[in-house]
Amino acid sequence: MQHIELPEDYSLVLQEVGENGEEDLMELAETLNLDGSRLRHIVTSLQHKGLVVMSRSAGRGAWIRLSAKGQKMMQSLWPEAGSTGMSYGY
């Protein structure tokens, strides 16, 4: 897998999504104390890198989850997290 350099806030987004499997975009912004427009920028960038997938549905809003590539990257960074129930213990 190619090496991908990410700013700290990008890594925090990946870590939070990886821990929970799927995250509501608005709740994630609140959890990470990020401005909504900043989070949307981060998510768009992570999508372009192929690390996250975003879905929208009526009544549920926007949700993001790790892509297969994102899961592999997180497992390489934190092998102890395993493939299910990722817990990174920061």
C-alpha atoms as a PDB file:
ATOM      1  CA  MET A   1       0.000   0.000   0.000  1.00  0.00           C
ATOM      2  CA  GLN A   2       1.313   3.420  -0.897  1.00  0.00           C
ATOM      3  CA  HIS A   3       2.173   5.777   1.941  1.00  0.00           C
ATOM      4  CA  ILE A   4      -0.354   8.575   2.463  1.00  0.00           C
ATOM      5  CA  GLU A   5       0.584  11.630   4.528  1.00  0.00           C
ATOM      6  CA  LEU A   6      -2.359  13.166   6.368  1.00  0.00           C
ATOM      7  CA  PRO A   7      -2.676  16.266   8.542  1.00  0.00           C
ATOM      8  CA  GLU A   8      -3.617  15.605  12.162  1.00  0.00           C
ATOM      9  CA  ASP A   9      -7.270  16.614  11.788  1.00  0.00           C
ATOM     10  CA  TYR A  10      -7.654  14.255   8.792  1.00  0.00           C
ATOM     11  CA  SER A  11      -6.212  11.416  10.870  1.00  0.00           C
ATOM     12  CA  LEU A  12      -8.578  12.210  13.737  1.00  0.00           C
ATOM     13  CA  VAL A  13     -11.558  12.004  11.381  1.00  0.00           C
ATOM     14  CA  LEU A  14     -10.378   8.600  10.103  1.00  0.00           C
ATOM     15  CA  GLN A  15      -9.763   7.367  13.621  1.00  0.00           C
ATOM     16  CA  GLU A  16     -13.184   8.431  14.897  1.00  0.00           C
ATOM     17  CA  VAL A  17     -14.991   6.923  11.905  1.00  0.00           C
ATOM     18  CA  GLY A  18     -12.941   3.726  12.216  1.00  0.00           C
ATOM     19  CA  GLU A  19     -13.805   3.348  15.878  1.00  0.00           C
ATOM     20  CA  ASN A  20     -17.520   3.671  15.303  1.00  0.00           C
ATOM     21  CA  GLY A  21     -17.863   2.111  11.859  1.00  0.00           C
ATOM     22  CA  GLU A  22     -20.059   4.907  10.572  1.00  0.00           C
ATOM     23  CA  GLU A  23     -20.506   8.519  11.641  1.00  0.00           C
ATOM     24  CA  ASP A  24     -23.123  11.179  11.097  1.00  0.00           C
ATOM     25  CA  LEU A  25     -21.351  14.175   9.601  1.00  0.00           C
ATOM     26  CA  MET A  26     -22.963  16.717  11.945  1.00  0.00           C
ATOM     27  CA  GLU A  27     -22.266  14.644  15.059  1.00  0.00           C
ATOM     28  CA  LEU A  28     -18.691  14.077  13.940  1.00  0.00           C
ATOM     29  CA  ALA A  29     -18.132  17.829  13.581  1.00  0.00           C
ATOM     30  CA  GLU A  30     -19.420  18.303  17.121  1.00  0.00           C
ATOM     31  CA  THR A  31     -17.404  15.395  18.560  1.00  0.00           C
ATOM     32  CA  LEU A  32     -14.152  16.632  17.005  1.00  0.00           C
ATOM     33  CA  ASN A  33     -14.985  20.299  17.611  1.00  0.00           C
ATOM     34  CA  LEU A  34     -14.576  21.105  13.919  1.00  0.00           C
ATOM     35  CA  ASP A  35     -16.414  23.720  11.904  1.00  0.00           C
ATOM     36  CA  GLY A  36     -18.880  22.024   9.529  1.00  0.00           C
ATOM     37  CA  SER A  37     -17.277  23.522   6.422  1.00  0.00           C
ATOM     38  CA  ARG A  38     -13.816  22.365   7.575  1.00  0.00           C
ATOM     39  CA  LEU A  39     -15.117  18.831   8.142  1.00  0.00           C
ATOM     40  CA  ARG A  40     -16.776  18.783   4.705  1.00  0.00           C
ATOM     41  CA  HIS A  41     -13.438  19.822   3.182  1.00  0.00           C
ATOM     42  CA  ILE A  42     -11.633  17.051   5.061  1.00  0.00           C
ATOM     43  CA  VAL A  43     -14.216  14.428   4.076  1.00  0.00           C
ATOM     44  CA  THR A  44     -14.068  15.502   0.417  1.00  0.00           C
ATOM     45  CA  SER A  45     -10.280  15.204   0.475  1.00  0.00           C
ATOM     46  CA  LEU A  46     -10.451  11.777   2.154  1.00  0.00           C
ATOM     47  CA  GLN A  47     -12.987  10.687  -0.482  1.00  0.00           C
ATOM     48  CA  HIS A  48     -10.616  11.764  -3.273  1.00  0.00           C
ATOM     49  CA  LYS A  49      -7.883   9.688  -1.616  1.00  0.00           C
ATOM     50  CA  GLY A  50     -10.286   6.730  -1.563  1.00  0.00           C
ATOM     51  CA  LEU A  51     -10.239   6.424   2.242  1.00  0.00           C
ATOM     52  CA  VAL A  52     -13.889   7.164   3.088  1.00  0.00           C
ATOM     53  CA  VAL A  53     -17.302   6.756   1.518  1.00  0.00           C
ATOM     54  CA  MET A  54     -20.111   9.217   2.165  1.00  0.00           C
ATOM     55  CA  SER A  55     -23.780   8.396   1.807  1.00  0.00           C
ATOM     56  CA  ARG A  56     -26.834  10.584   2.076  1.00  0.00           C
ATOM     57  CA  SER A  57     -30.371   9.499   2.773  1.00  0.00           C
ATOM     58  CA  ALA A  58     -33.618  11.275   3.441  1.00  0.00           C
ATOM     59  CA  GLY A  59     -34.152  11.663   7.156  1.00  0.00           C
ATOM     60  CA  ARG A  60     -30.684  10.400   8.082  1.00  0.00           C
ATOM     61  CA  GLY A  61     -28.504  13.177   6.722  1.00  0.00           C
ATOM     62  CA  ALA A  62     -24.927  12.543   5.598  1.00  0.00           C
ATOM     63  CA  TRP A  63     -22.952   9.590   6.953  1.00  0.00           C
ATOM     64  CA  ILE A  64     -19.357   8.568   6.367  1.00  0.00           C
ATOM     65  CA  ARG A  65     -17.585   5.255   6.770  1.00  0.00           C
ATOM     66  CA  LEU A  66     -14.145   3.929   5.944  1.00  0.00           C
ATOM     67  CA  SER A  67     -13.687   2.442   2.498  1.00  0.00           C
ATOM     68  CA  ALA A  68     -11.831  -0.863   2.107  1.00  0.00           C
ATOM     69  CA  LYS A  69      -8.667   1.161   1.423  1.00  0.00           C
ATOM     70  CA  GLY A  70      -9.304   3.265   4.543  1.00  0.00           C
ATOM     71  CA  GLN A  71      -9.794   0.137   6.658  1.00  0.00           C
ATOM     72  CA  LYS A  72      -6.512  -1.332   5.389  1.00  0.00           C
ATOM     73  CA  MET A  73      -4.707   1.899   6.147  1.00  0.00           C
ATOM     74  CA  MET A  74      -6.098   2.060   9.672  1.00  0.00           C
ATOM     75  CA  GLN A  75      -5.185  -1.589  10.291  1.00  0.00           C
ATOM     76  CA  SER A  76      -1.631  -0.914   9.146  1.00  0.00           C
ATOM     77  CA  LEU A  77      -1.393   2.095  11.474  1.00  0.00           C
ATOM     78  CA  TRP A  78      -3.056   0.364  14.433  1.00  0.00           C
ATOM     79  CA  PRO A  79      -2.795  -3.422  13.940  1.00  0.00           C
ATOM     80  CA  GLU A  80      -4.107  -4.022  17.472  1.00  0.00           C
ATOM     81  CA  ALA A  81      -7.445  -2.538  16.373  1.00  0.00           C
ATOM     82  CA  GLY A  82      -8.255  -5.619  14.283  1.00  0.00           C
ATOM     83  CA  SER A  83     -10.954  -5.749  11.656  1.00  0.00           C
ATOM     84  CA  THR A  84     -13.975  -5.318  13.939  1.00  0.00           C
ATOM     85  CA  GLY A  85     -14.653  -3.122  16.924  1.00  0.00           C
ATOM     86  CA  MET A  86     -11.742  -0.857  16.187  1.00  0.00           C
ATOM     87  CA  SER A  87     -10.498   0.712  19.378  1.00  0.00           C
ATOM     88  CA  TYR A  88      -7.402   2.863  19.131  1.00  0.00           C
ATOM     89  CA  GLY A  89      -7.032   3.977  22.733  1.00  0.00           C
ATOM     90  CA  TYR A  90      -5.659   7.447  22.220  1.00  0.00           C
END
